[in-house]
């Protein structure tokens, strides 16, 4: 039986009336959405150098998925205190990490705004793309505008320059075209992309009697993730999956996820088993548990309550002190 989820402090930064909650609460985000995000991120050479430097994906893919889901879920679905606390902790952890990418020879800083922008945008674009493909379908024009507006708000949790954040889908496409020449299909990037594809998703820890379905769910989610990738990424990771398989997996997964969306307690149980760290953050939003104080707050207010500067301010201050 699923344990009781704790009552959140408030509705966080966005709340149940936001397009962010509409998209991120849907099961597509917690399954294929985050797997695709993590896979695409690996083709930025400095991001993959940072990940490879810890060895966490090689050694504990399922745990890394859980931690990533916990962090990303806290920012978009968690209460304001949890979101600010986790974002602040990550900035400080990243401040102690750095090195040189052996592929490009470039120094990497996990708090670098350009790298943070890549991670942020691959997540927001991937989650939306997967929602539209395997979920209810495209957003309305008004919802689309609101979604990208909320993407800009969420960038406040990172060191990103807000002027660099796309305001719509066209600007998002332009961003991808701009950074594409800087992406690298290195041996380490391909290795880590495959690690994500093979192990970083909900199928690795299904609860109870559902565990027997693990191999089937694994195959379905793996092929669904591949179905969302551009051709050059498919070629890079060595898959020949074509449009027929893409169509078949879409036809199977879309109704399965629609059923999961109508069964929030079942979804919560799967989350509890597959992502125990993320469960306390995600469960209140999934189960519709009302907070102690209904309403939302701004990112700025959340950090002020924590007594900490915003991540971008912290990064700029550290840069000035180092120079």
C-alpha atoms as a PDB file:
ATOM      1  CA  UNK A   1       0.000   0.000   0.000  1.00  0.00           C
ATOM      2  CA  UNK A   2       1.254   3.470  -0.859  1.00  0.00           C
ATOM      3  CA  UNK A   3       2.381   5.352   2.224  1.00  0.00           C
ATOM      4  CA  UNK A   4       0.693   8.612   3.138  1.00  0.00           C
ATOM      5  CA  UNK A   5       2.201  11.581   1.321  1.00  0.00           C
ATOM      6  CA  UNK A   6       3.130  14.579   3.441  1.00  0.00           C
ATOM      7  CA  UNK A   7       1.100  17.763   3.156  1.00  0.00           C
ATOM      8  CA  UNK A   8       3.077  20.412   1.255  1.00  0.00           C
ATOM      9  CA  UNK A   9       3.560  23.938   2.595  1.00  0.00           C
ATOM     10  CA  UNK A  10       2.020  25.649  -0.454  1.00  0.00           C
ATOM     11  CA  UNK A  11       1.416  25.138  -4.171  1.00  0.00           C
ATOM     12  CA  UNK A  12       4.990  26.103  -4.989  1.00  0.00           C
ATOM     13  CA  UNK A  13       5.897  28.402  -7.840  1.00  0.00           C
ATOM     14  CA  UNK A  14       3.294  27.402 -10.437  1.00  0.00           C
ATOM     15  CA  UNK A  15       0.338  25.623  -8.848  1.00  0.00           C
ATOM     16  CA  UNK A  16      -2.462  23.418 -10.207  1.00  0.00           C
ATOM     17  CA  UNK A  17      -3.878  26.102 -12.510  1.00  0.00           C
ATOM     18  CA  UNK A  18      -0.600  26.421 -14.450  1.00  0.00           C
ATOM     19  CA  UNK A  19       0.233  24.788 -17.750  1.00  0.00           C
ATOM     20  CA  UNK A  20       3.421  23.543 -16.097  1.00  0.00           C
ATOM     21  CA  UNK A  21       1.392  21.405 -13.690  1.00  0.00           C
ATOM     22  CA  UNK A  22      -0.836  20.221 -16.533  1.00  0.00           C
ATOM     23  CA  UNK A  23       2.179  18.969 -18.480  1.00  0.00           C
ATOM     24  CA  UNK A  24       4.452  17.796 -15.675  1.00  0.00           C
ATOM     25  CA  UNK A  25       1.766  16.001 -13.662  1.00  0.00           C
ATOM     26  CA  UNK A  26       0.927  13.839 -16.661  1.00  0.00           C
ATOM     27  CA  UNK A  27       2.721  10.443 -16.556  1.00  0.00           C
ATOM     28  CA  UNK A  28       4.615  11.228 -19.768  1.00  0.00           C
ATOM     29  CA  UNK A  29       6.946  13.572 -17.881  1.00  0.00           C
ATOM     30  CA  UNK A  30       7.947  11.053 -15.211  1.00  0.00           C
ATOM     31  CA  UNK A  31       8.638   8.296 -17.728  1.00  0.00           C
ATOM     32  CA  UNK A  32       9.784   9.085 -21.261  1.00  0.00           C
ATOM     33  CA  UNK A  33      10.048  12.836 -20.685  1.00  0.00           C
ATOM     34  CA  UNK A  34      12.841  12.713 -18.143  1.00  0.00           C
ATOM     35  CA  UNK A  35      14.599   9.796 -19.853  1.00  0.00           C
ATOM     36  CA  UNK A  36      14.708  11.793 -23.087  1.00  0.00           C
ATOM     37  CA  UNK A  37      15.927  14.862 -21.194  1.00  0.00           C
ATOM     38  CA  UNK A  38      18.812  12.993 -19.597  1.00  0.00           C
ATOM     39  CA  UNK A  39      19.782  11.322 -22.872  1.00  0.00           C
ATOM     40  CA  UNK A  40      19.806  14.507 -24.974  1.00  0.00           C
ATOM     41  CA  UNK A  41      21.823  16.357 -22.318  1.00  0.00           C
ATOM     42  CA  UNK A  42      24.701  13.924 -22.778  1.00  0.00           C
ATOM     43  CA  UNK A  43      25.648  15.377 -26.176  1.00  0.00           C
ATOM     44  CA  UNK A  44      26.839  18.619 -24.623  1.00  0.00           C
ATOM     45  CA  UNK A  45      30.530  17.827 -24.040  1.00  0.00           C
ATOM     46  CA  UNK A  46      30.864  19.824 -20.833  1.00  0.00           C
ATOM     47  CA  UNK A  47      27.673  18.433 -19.325  1.00  0.00           C
ATOM     48  CA  UNK A  48      28.687  14.846 -20.037  1.00  0.00           C
ATOM     49  CA  UNK A  49      32.194  15.548 -18.712  1.00  0.00           C
ATOM     50  CA  UNK A  50      30.646  16.725 -15.457  1.00  0.00           C
ATOM     51  CA  UNK A  51      28.431  13.630 -15.221  1.00  0.00           C
ATOM     52  CA  UNK A  52      31.206  11.234 -16.227  1.00  0.00           C
ATOM     53  CA  UNK A  53      33.483  12.781 -13.623  1.00  0.00           C
ATOM     54  CA  UNK A  54      31.226  11.564 -10.827  1.00  0.00           C
ATOM     55  CA  UNK A  55      30.761   8.050 -12.224  1.00  0.00           C
ATOM     56  CA  UNK A  56      27.191   8.072 -10.889  1.00  0.00           C
ATOM     57  CA  UNK A  57      25.470   7.125 -14.138  1.00  0.00           C
ATOM     58  CA  UNK A  58      27.826   4.221 -14.784  1.00  0.00           C
ATOM     59  CA  UNK A  59      27.433   2.846 -11.279  1.00  0.00           C
ATOM     60  CA  UNK A  60      23.899   3.826 -10.195  1.00  0.00           C
ATOM     61  CA  UNK A  61      21.709   4.730 -13.178  1.00  0.00           C
ATOM     62  CA  UNK A  62      18.423   4.105 -11.343  1.00  0.00           C
ATOM     63  CA  UNK A  63      19.528   6.165  -8.338  1.00  0.00           C
ATOM     64  CA  UNK A  64      20.633   9.027 -10.544  1.00  0.00           C
ATOM     65  CA  UNK A  65      17.254   8.943 -12.297  1.00  0.00           C
ATOM     66  CA  UNK A  66      15.563   9.086  -8.889  1.00  0.00           C
ATOM     67  CA  UNK A  67      17.645  12.066  -7.772  1.00  0.00           C
ATOM     68  CA  UNK A  68      17.091  13.902 -11.053  1.00  0.00           C
ATOM     69  CA  UNK A  69      13.356  13.300 -10.843  1.00  0.00           C
ATOM     70  CA  UNK A  70      13.371  14.499  -7.239  1.00  0.00           C
ATOM     71  CA  UNK A  71      15.185  17.719  -8.120  1.00  0.00           C
ATOM     72  CA  UNK A  72      13.253  18.566 -11.287  1.00  0.00           C
ATOM     73  CA  UNK A  73       9.963  17.587  -9.655  1.00  0.00           C
ATOM     74  CA  UNK A  74      10.668  19.797  -6.661  1.00  0.00           C
ATOM     75  CA  UNK A  75      11.168  22.862  -8.849  1.00  0.00           C
ATOM     76  CA  UNK A  76       7.974  22.477 -10.853  1.00  0.00           C
ATOM     77  CA  UNK A  77       5.597  20.552  -8.562  1.00  0.00           C
ATOM     78  CA  UNK A  78       7.008  20.827  -5.045  1.00  0.00           C
ATOM     79  CA  UNK A  79       6.238  23.482  -2.467  1.00  0.00           C
ATOM     80  CA  UNK A  80       8.258  26.695  -2.504  1.00  0.00           C
ATOM     81  CA  UNK A  81      10.466  25.822   0.482  1.00  0.00           C
ATOM     82  CA  UNK A  82      11.472  22.464  -0.997  1.00  0.00           C
ATOM     83  CA  UNK A  83      12.119  23.983  -4.424  1.00  0.00           C
ATOM     84  CA  UNK A  84      14.338  26.790  -3.115  1.00  0.00           C
ATOM     85  CA  UNK A  85      16.202  24.516  -0.706  1.00  0.00           C
ATOM     86  CA  UNK A  86      17.032  21.924  -3.361  1.00  0.00           C
ATOM     87  CA  UNK A  87      18.010  24.494  -5.989  1.00  0.00           C
ATOM     88  CA  UNK A  88      20.272  26.282  -3.498  1.00  0.00           C
ATOM     89  CA  UNK A  89      21.882  23.025  -2.394  1.00  0.00           C
ATOM     90  CA  UNK A  90      22.666  22.046  -5.992  1.00  0.00           C
ATOM     91  CA  UNK A  91      24.262  25.415  -6.758  1.00  0.00           C
ATOM     92  CA  UNK A  92      26.518  25.042  -3.739  1.00  0.00           C
ATOM     93  CA  UNK A  93      27.419  21.435  -4.622  1.00  0.00           C
ATOM     94  CA  UNK A  94      28.186  22.466  -8.195  1.00  0.00           C
ATOM     95  CA  UNK A  95      30.382  25.264  -6.864  1.00  0.00           C
ATOM     96  CA  UNK A  96      32.760  22.630  -5.502  1.00  0.00           C
ATOM     97  CA  UNK A  97      32.912  20.644  -8.749  1.00  0.00           C
ATOM     98  CA  UNK A  98      34.913  21.376 -11.864  1.00  0.00           C
ATOM     99  CA  UNK A  99      37.570  20.033 -14.158  1.00  0.00           C
ATOM    100  CA  UNK A 100      38.719  19.704 -17.743  1.00  0.00           C
ATOM    101  CA  UNK A 101      36.812  17.843 -20.431  1.00  0.00           C
ATOM    102  CA  UNK A 102      39.228  15.247 -21.881  1.00  0.00           C
ATOM    103  CA  UNK A 103      37.465  15.365 -25.265  1.00  0.00           C
ATOM    104  CA  UNK A 104      37.496  19.122 -25.950  1.00  0.00           C
ATOM    105  CA  UNK A 105      40.157  20.228 -23.480  1.00  0.00           C
ATOM    106  CA  UNK A 106      37.775  22.868 -22.151  1.00  0.00           C
ATOM    107  CA  UNK A 107      37.332  23.624 -18.480  1.00  0.00           C
ATOM    108  CA  UNK A 108      33.856  22.852 -17.201  1.00  0.00           C
ATOM    109  CA  UNK A 109      31.853  24.427 -14.411  1.00  0.00           C
ATOM    110  CA  UNK A 110      28.462  22.833 -13.619  1.00  0.00           C
ATOM    111  CA  UNK A 111      27.168  26.289 -12.642  1.00  0.00           C
ATOM    112  CA  UNK A 112      28.113  27.847 -15.976  1.00  0.00           C
ATOM    113  CA  UNK A 113      25.004  29.686 -17.276  1.00  0.00           C
ATOM    114  CA  UNK A 114      25.353  28.283 -20.810  1.00  0.00           C
ATOM    115  CA  UNK A 115      25.449  24.712 -19.530  1.00  0.00           C
ATOM    116  CA  UNK A 116      22.602  25.408 -17.133  1.00  0.00           C
ATOM    117  CA  UNK A 117      20.567  26.835 -20.022  1.00  0.00           C
ATOM    118  CA  UNK A 118      21.164  23.669 -22.080  1.00  0.00           C
ATOM    119  CA  UNK A 119      20.000  21.448 -19.208  1.00  0.00           C
ATOM    120  CA  UNK A 120      16.979  23.640 -18.496  1.00  0.00           C
ATOM    121  CA  UNK A 121      15.808  23.895 -22.092  1.00  0.00           C
ATOM    122  CA  UNK A 122      16.342  20.246 -22.981  1.00  0.00           C
ATOM    123  CA  UNK A 123      14.115  19.390 -20.029  1.00  0.00           C
ATOM    124  CA  UNK A 124      11.309  21.821 -20.853  1.00  0.00           C
ATOM    125  CA  UNK A 125      11.362  21.013 -24.559  1.00  0.00           C
ATOM    126  CA  UNK A 126      11.620  17.251 -23.997  1.00  0.00           C
ATOM    127  CA  UNK A 127       8.826  17.098 -21.441  1.00  0.00           C
ATOM    128  CA  UNK A 128       6.521  19.084 -23.721  1.00  0.00           C
ATOM    129  CA  UNK A 129       7.477  17.076 -26.811  1.00  0.00           C
ATOM    130  CA  UNK A 130       6.754  13.779 -25.053  1.00  0.00           C
ATOM    131  CA  UNK A 131       3.485  15.126 -23.600  1.00  0.00           C
ATOM    132  CA  UNK A 132       2.308  16.028 -27.091  1.00  0.00           C
ATOM    133  CA  UNK A 133       3.402  12.710 -28.621  1.00  0.00           C
ATOM    134  CA  UNK A 134       2.331  10.217 -25.948  1.00  0.00           C
ATOM    135  CA  UNK A 135      -0.140  12.315 -23.977  1.00  0.00           C
ATOM    136  CA  UNK A 136      -3.227  14.405 -24.742  1.00  0.00           C
ATOM    137  CA  UNK A 137      -1.644  16.168 -27.722  1.00  0.00           C
ATOM    138  CA  UNK A 138      -0.624  19.744 -28.578  1.00  0.00           C
ATOM    139  CA  UNK A 139      -1.301  22.629 -26.237  1.00  0.00           C
ATOM    140  CA  UNK A 140      -3.588  25.451 -27.305  1.00  0.00           C
ATOM    141  CA  UNK A 141      -1.956  28.681 -28.477  1.00  0.00           C
ATOM    142  CA  UNK A 142      -2.709  30.339 -25.137  1.00  0.00           C
ATOM    143  CA  UNK A 143      -1.334  27.355 -23.199  1.00  0.00           C
ATOM    144  CA  UNK A 144       1.757  27.362 -25.366  1.00  0.00           C
ATOM    145  CA  UNK A 145       2.468  31.008 -24.545  1.00  0.00           C
ATOM    146  CA  UNK A 146       1.948  30.332 -20.861  1.00  0.00           C
ATOM    147  CA  UNK A 147       4.192  27.262 -20.917  1.00  0.00           C
ATOM    148  CA  UNK A 148       7.180  29.156 -22.300  1.00  0.00           C
ATOM    149  CA  UNK A 149       6.480  32.041 -19.941  1.00  0.00           C
ATOM    150  CA  UNK A 150       6.629  29.595 -17.055  1.00  0.00           C
ATOM    151  CA  UNK A 151       9.830  28.117 -18.498  1.00  0.00           C
ATOM    152  CA  UNK A 152      11.349  31.575 -18.077  1.00  0.00           C
ATOM    153  CA  UNK A 153      10.159  31.723 -14.468  1.00  0.00           C
ATOM    154  CA  UNK A 154      11.690  28.319 -13.705  1.00  0.00           C
ATOM    155  CA  UNK A 155      15.052  29.503 -15.081  1.00  0.00           C
ATOM    156  CA  UNK A 156      15.302  31.615 -11.917  1.00  0.00           C
ATOM    157  CA  UNK A 157      16.209  28.454 -10.023  1.00  0.00           C
ATOM    158  CA  UNK A 158      19.460  28.275 -11.966  1.00  0.00           C
ATOM    159  CA  UNK A 159      22.335  30.578 -12.912  1.00  0.00           C
ATOM    160  CA  UNK A 160      20.792  31.296 -16.317  1.00  0.00           C
ATOM    161  CA  UNK A 161      20.664  34.788 -17.824  1.00  0.00           C
ATOM    162  CA  UNK A 162      16.898  35.329 -18.327  1.00  0.00           C
ATOM    163  CA  UNK A 163      17.558  37.169 -21.589  1.00  0.00           C
ATOM    164  CA  UNK A 164      18.811  33.886 -23.088  1.00  0.00           C
ATOM    165  CA  UNK A 165      15.631  31.887 -22.417  1.00  0.00           C
ATOM    166  CA  UNK A 166      13.406  31.283 -25.494  1.00  0.00           C
ATOM    167  CA  UNK A 167       9.943  32.836 -25.300  1.00  0.00           C
ATOM    168  CA  UNK A 168       8.228  30.474 -27.753  1.00  0.00           C
ATOM    169  CA  UNK A 169       8.677  27.315 -29.819  1.00  0.00           C
ATOM    170  CA  UNK A 170      10.272  29.188 -32.727  1.00  0.00           C
ATOM    171  CA  UNK A 171      12.936  30.650 -30.441  1.00  0.00           C
ATOM    172  CA  UNK A 172      13.445  27.183 -28.952  1.00  0.00           C
ATOM    173  CA  UNK A 173      14.122  25.753 -32.416  1.00  0.00           C
ATOM    174  CA  UNK A 174      16.512  28.628 -33.133  1.00  0.00           C
ATOM    175  CA  UNK A 175      18.369  27.860 -29.905  1.00  0.00           C
ATOM    176  CA  UNK A 176      18.832  24.212 -30.929  1.00  0.00           C
ATOM    177  CA  UNK A 177      20.103  25.264 -34.357  1.00  0.00           C
ATOM    178  CA  UNK A 178      22.538  27.657 -32.715  1.00  0.00           C
ATOM    179  CA  UNK A 179      24.039  25.103 -30.302  1.00  0.00           C
ATOM    180  CA  UNK A 180      23.984  22.108 -32.650  1.00  0.00           C
ATOM    181  CA  UNK A 181      27.553  22.708 -33.967  1.00  0.00           C
ATOM    182  CA  UNK A 182      28.837  22.626 -30.366  1.00  0.00           C
ATOM    183  CA  UNK A 183      27.330  19.232 -29.552  1.00  0.00           C
ATOM    184  CA  UNK A 184      29.785  16.343 -29.702  1.00  0.00           C
ATOM    185  CA  UNK A 185      29.179  12.677 -30.534  1.00  0.00           C
ATOM    186  CA  UNK A 186      32.077  11.430 -28.440  1.00  0.00           C
ATOM    187  CA  UNK A 187      32.616   7.930 -27.110  1.00  0.00           C
ATOM    188  CA  UNK A 188      31.762   9.061 -23.583  1.00  0.00           C
ATOM    189  CA  UNK A 189      28.623  10.886 -24.773  1.00  0.00           C
ATOM    190  CA  UNK A 190      27.357   7.799 -26.596  1.00  0.00           C
ATOM    191  CA  UNK A 191      28.194   5.585 -23.617  1.00  0.00           C
ATOM    192  CA  UNK A 192      26.240   7.790 -21.221  1.00  0.00           C
ATOM    193  CA  UNK A 193      23.320   8.220 -23.622  1.00  0.00           C
ATOM    194  CA  UNK A 194      23.043   4.440 -23.809  1.00  0.00           C
ATOM    195  CA  UNK A 195      23.263   4.166 -20.020  1.00  0.00           C
ATOM    196  CA  UNK A 196      20.309   6.513 -19.744  1.00  0.00           C
ATOM    197  CA  UNK A 197      18.389   4.558 -22.343  1.00  0.00           C
ATOM    198  CA  UNK A 198      19.089   1.222 -20.662  1.00  0.00           C
ATOM    199  CA  UNK A 199      18.683   2.049 -17.000  1.00  0.00           C
ATOM    200  CA  UNK A 200      17.412   5.479 -16.043  1.00  0.00           C
ATOM    201  CA  UNK A 201      13.623   5.093 -15.962  1.00  0.00           C
ATOM    202  CA  UNK A 202      10.712   3.740 -13.929  1.00  0.00           C
ATOM    203  CA  UNK A 203      10.927   0.176 -15.281  1.00  0.00           C
ATOM    204  CA  UNK A 204      13.969  -0.656 -13.157  1.00  0.00           C
ATOM    205  CA  UNK A 205      11.962  -0.810  -9.901  1.00  0.00           C
ATOM    206  CA  UNK A 206       8.333  -1.787 -10.375  1.00  0.00           C
ATOM    207  CA  UNK A 207       6.350  -2.654  -7.222  1.00  0.00           C
ATOM    208  CA  UNK A 208       5.095  -6.051  -6.124  1.00  0.00           C
ATOM    209  CA  UNK A 209       3.577  -8.363  -8.689  1.00  0.00           C
ATOM    210  CA  UNK A 210       4.127  -5.768 -11.418  1.00  0.00           C
ATOM    211  CA  UNK A 211       7.840  -6.547 -11.249  1.00  0.00           C
ATOM    212  CA  UNK A 212       7.314  -9.409 -13.672  1.00  0.00           C
ATOM    213  CA  UNK A 213       6.305  -6.821 -16.278  1.00  0.00           C
ATOM    214  CA  UNK A 214       9.642  -5.041 -15.884  1.00  0.00           C
ATOM    215  CA  UNK A 215      11.248  -6.328 -19.118  1.00  0.00           C
ATOM    216  CA  UNK A 216       8.153  -5.440 -21.169  1.00  0.00           C
ATOM    217  CA  UNK A 217       7.897  -1.961 -19.646  1.00  0.00           C
ATOM    218  CA  UNK A 218      11.641  -1.479 -20.100  1.00  0.00           C
ATOM    219  CA  UNK A 219      11.434  -2.316 -23.805  1.00  0.00           C
ATOM    220  CA  UNK A 220       8.381  -0.110 -24.311  1.00  0.00           C
ATOM    221  CA  UNK A 221       9.903   2.929 -22.572  1.00  0.00           C
ATOM    222  CA  UNK A 222      13.238   2.400 -24.309  1.00  0.00           C
ATOM    223  CA  UNK A 223      11.664   2.317 -27.746  1.00  0.00           C
ATOM    224  CA  UNK A 224       9.381   5.237 -26.864  1.00  0.00           C
ATOM    225  CA  UNK A 225      12.399   7.322 -25.899  1.00  0.00           C
ATOM    226  CA  UNK A 226      14.145   6.475 -29.169  1.00  0.00           C
ATOM    227  CA  UNK A 227      10.948   7.409 -31.044  1.00  0.00           C
ATOM    228  CA  UNK A 228      11.337  10.997 -29.830  1.00  0.00           C
ATOM    229  CA  UNK A 229      14.970  11.426 -30.911  1.00  0.00           C
ATOM    230  CA  UNK A 230      16.177  13.211 -34.042  1.00  0.00           C
ATOM    231  CA  UNK A 231      17.778  11.037 -36.690  1.00  0.00           C
ATOM    232  CA  UNK A 232      21.365  12.041 -35.926  1.00  0.00           C
ATOM    233  CA  UNK A 233      21.026  11.016 -32.268  1.00  0.00           C
ATOM    234  CA  UNK A 234      19.583   7.646 -33.256  1.00  0.00           C
ATOM    235  CA  UNK A 235      22.543   7.067 -35.535  1.00  0.00           C
ATOM    236  CA  UNK A 236      24.935   8.161 -32.795  1.00  0.00           C
ATOM    237  CA  UNK A 237      23.644   5.613 -30.284  1.00  0.00           C
ATOM    238  CA  UNK A 238      23.503   2.884 -32.927  1.00  0.00           C
ATOM    239  CA  UNK A 239      19.778   2.226 -33.215  1.00  0.00           C
ATOM    240  CA  UNK A 240      17.994   1.470 -36.489  1.00  0.00           C
ATOM    241  CA  UNK A 241      14.511   1.971 -35.081  1.00  0.00           C
ATOM    242  CA  UNK A 242      12.338   3.373 -37.843  1.00  0.00           C
ATOM    243  CA  UNK A 243       8.937   4.989 -38.336  1.00  0.00           C
ATOM    244  CA  UNK A 244       6.947   1.737 -38.173  1.00  0.00           C
ATOM    245  CA  UNK A 245       8.213   0.914 -34.673  1.00  0.00           C
ATOM    246  CA  UNK A 246       7.781   4.575 -33.694  1.00  0.00           C
ATOM    247  CA  UNK A 247       4.122   4.420 -34.717  1.00  0.00           C
ATOM    248  CA  UNK A 248       3.525   1.096 -32.961  1.00  0.00           C
ATOM    249  CA  UNK A 249       5.061   2.175 -29.679  1.00  0.00           C
ATOM    250  CA  UNK A 250       3.073   5.411 -29.784  1.00  0.00           C
ATOM    251  CA  UNK A 251      -0.149   3.486 -30.376  1.00  0.00           C
ATOM    252  CA  UNK A 252       0.555   1.271 -27.354  1.00  0.00           C
ATOM    253  CA  UNK A 253       1.960   3.832 -24.932  1.00  0.00           C
ATOM    254  CA  UNK A 254      -0.521   6.661 -25.424  1.00  0.00           C
ATOM    255  CA  UNK A 255      -3.575   4.760 -24.075  1.00  0.00           C
ATOM    256  CA  UNK A 256      -1.455   3.139 -21.336  1.00  0.00           C
ATOM    257  CA  UNK A 257      -0.350   6.532 -20.034  1.00  0.00           C
ATOM    258  CA  UNK A 258      -3.879   7.913 -20.367  1.00  0.00           C
ATOM    259  CA  UNK A 259      -5.040   5.068 -18.106  1.00  0.00           C
ATOM    260  CA  UNK A 260      -2.239   5.833 -15.632  1.00  0.00           C
ATOM    261  CA  UNK A 261      -3.295   9.498 -15.583  1.00  0.00           C
ATOM    262  CA  UNK A 262      -6.791   8.410 -14.514  1.00  0.00           C
ATOM    263  CA  UNK A 263      -5.351   6.229 -11.735  1.00  0.00           C
ATOM    264  CA  UNK A 264      -3.268   8.629  -9.613  1.00  0.00           C
ATOM    265  CA  UNK A 265      -2.970   6.195  -6.694  1.00  0.00           C
ATOM    266  CA  UNK A 266      -1.550   3.531  -8.973  1.00  0.00           C
ATOM    267  CA  UNK A 267       0.878   6.069 -10.442  1.00  0.00           C
ATOM    268  CA  UNK A 268       1.888   7.113  -6.921  1.00  0.00           C
ATOM    269  CA  UNK A 269       2.535   3.489  -5.977  1.00  0.00           C
ATOM    270  CA  UNK A 270       4.799   3.024  -8.991  1.00  0.00           C
ATOM    271  CA  UNK A 271       6.638   6.235  -8.117  1.00  0.00           C
ATOM    272  CA  UNK A 272       7.095   5.109  -4.518  1.00  0.00           C
ATOM    273  CA  UNK A 273       8.770   1.888  -5.630  1.00  0.00           C
ATOM    274  CA  UNK A 274      10.692   3.200  -8.631  1.00  0.00           C
ATOM    275  CA  UNK A 275      11.733   6.622  -7.328  1.00  0.00           C
ATOM    276  CA  UNK A 276      11.620   6.604  -3.501  1.00  0.00           C
ATOM    277  CA  UNK A 277      13.526   9.881  -3.185  1.00  0.00           C
ATOM    278  CA  UNK A 278      11.274  11.662  -5.673  1.00  0.00           C
ATOM    279  CA  UNK A 279       8.057  10.226  -4.250  1.00  0.00           C
ATOM    280  CA  UNK A 280       7.620  12.676  -1.311  1.00  0.00           C
ATOM    281  CA  UNK A 281       8.090  15.597  -3.717  1.00  0.00           C
ATOM    282  CA  UNK A 282       5.834  14.351  -6.509  1.00  0.00           C
ATOM    283  CA  UNK A 283       3.114  12.486  -4.621  1.00  0.00           C
ATOM    284  CA  UNK A 284       1.211  15.518  -3.242  1.00  0.00           C
ATOM    285  CA  UNK A 285       0.776  16.946  -6.754  1.00  0.00           C
ATOM    286  CA  UNK A 286      -0.034  13.540  -8.272  1.00  0.00           C
ATOM    287  CA  UNK A 287      -2.593  12.742  -5.558  1.00  0.00           C
ATOM    288  CA  UNK A 288      -4.018  16.268  -5.361  1.00  0.00           C
ATOM    289  CA  UNK A 289      -3.197  16.802  -1.672  1.00  0.00           C
ATOM    290  CA  UNK A 290      -4.064  20.333  -0.617  1.00  0.00           C
ATOM    291  CA  UNK A 291      -1.229  22.329   0.967  1.00  0.00           C
ATOM    292  CA  UNK A 292      -1.183  24.032   4.353  1.00  0.00           C
ATOM    293  CA  UNK A 293      -1.394  27.423   2.654  1.00  0.00           C
ATOM    294  CA  UNK A 294      -3.024  27.301  -0.794  1.00  0.00           C
ATOM    295  CA  UNK A 295      -1.411  29.637  -3.294  1.00  0.00           C
ATOM    296  CA  UNK A 296       1.884  30.195  -5.049  1.00  0.00           C
ATOM    297  CA  UNK A 297       4.937  32.374  -4.460  1.00  0.00           C
ATOM    298  CA  UNK A 298       7.628  33.756  -6.744  1.00  0.00           C
ATOM    299  CA  UNK A 299      11.099  32.279  -7.066  1.00  0.00           C
ATOM    300  CA  UNK A 300      12.466  35.475  -5.531  1.00  0.00           C
ATOM    301  CA  UNK A 301      10.177  35.184  -2.529  1.00  0.00           C
ATOM    302  CA  UNK A 302      11.047  31.514  -2.057  1.00  0.00           C
ATOM    303  CA  UNK A 303      14.768  32.322  -1.847  1.00  0.00           C
ATOM    304  CA  UNK A 304      14.130  35.325   0.399  1.00  0.00           C
ATOM    305  CA  UNK A 305      12.283  33.056   2.843  1.00  0.00           C
ATOM    306  CA  UNK A 306      15.254  30.684   2.725  1.00  0.00           C
ATOM    307  CA  UNK A 307      17.569  33.589   3.457  1.00  0.00           C
ATOM    308  CA  UNK A 308      19.693  32.904   0.407  1.00  0.00           C
ATOM    309  CA  UNK A 309      20.567  34.852  -2.772  1.00  0.00           C
ATOM    310  CA  UNK A 310      19.196  33.655  -6.089  1.00  0.00           C
ATOM    311  CA  UNK A 311      21.425  31.116  -7.923  1.00  0.00           C
ATOM    312  CA  UNK A 312      22.439  33.630 -10.594  1.00  0.00           C
ATOM    313  CA  UNK A 313      23.443  36.140  -7.926  1.00  0.00           C
ATOM    314  CA  UNK A 314      25.494  33.482  -6.156  1.00  0.00           C
ATOM    315  CA  UNK A 315      27.290  32.568  -9.378  1.00  0.00           C
ATOM    316  CA  UNK A 316      28.041  36.162 -10.334  1.00  0.00           C
ATOM    317  CA  UNK A 317      29.323  36.893  -6.831  1.00  0.00           C
ATOM    318  CA  UNK A 318      31.595  33.830  -6.925  1.00  0.00           C
ATOM    319  CA  UNK A 319      32.922  34.952 -10.311  1.00  0.00           C
ATOM    320  CA  UNK A 320      33.747  38.432  -9.024  1.00  0.00           C
ATOM    321  CA  UNK A 321      35.519  36.995  -5.985  1.00  0.00           C
ATOM    322  CA  UNK A 322      37.577  34.655  -8.139  1.00  0.00           C
ATOM    323  CA  UNK A 323      38.736  37.408 -10.508  1.00  0.00           C
END
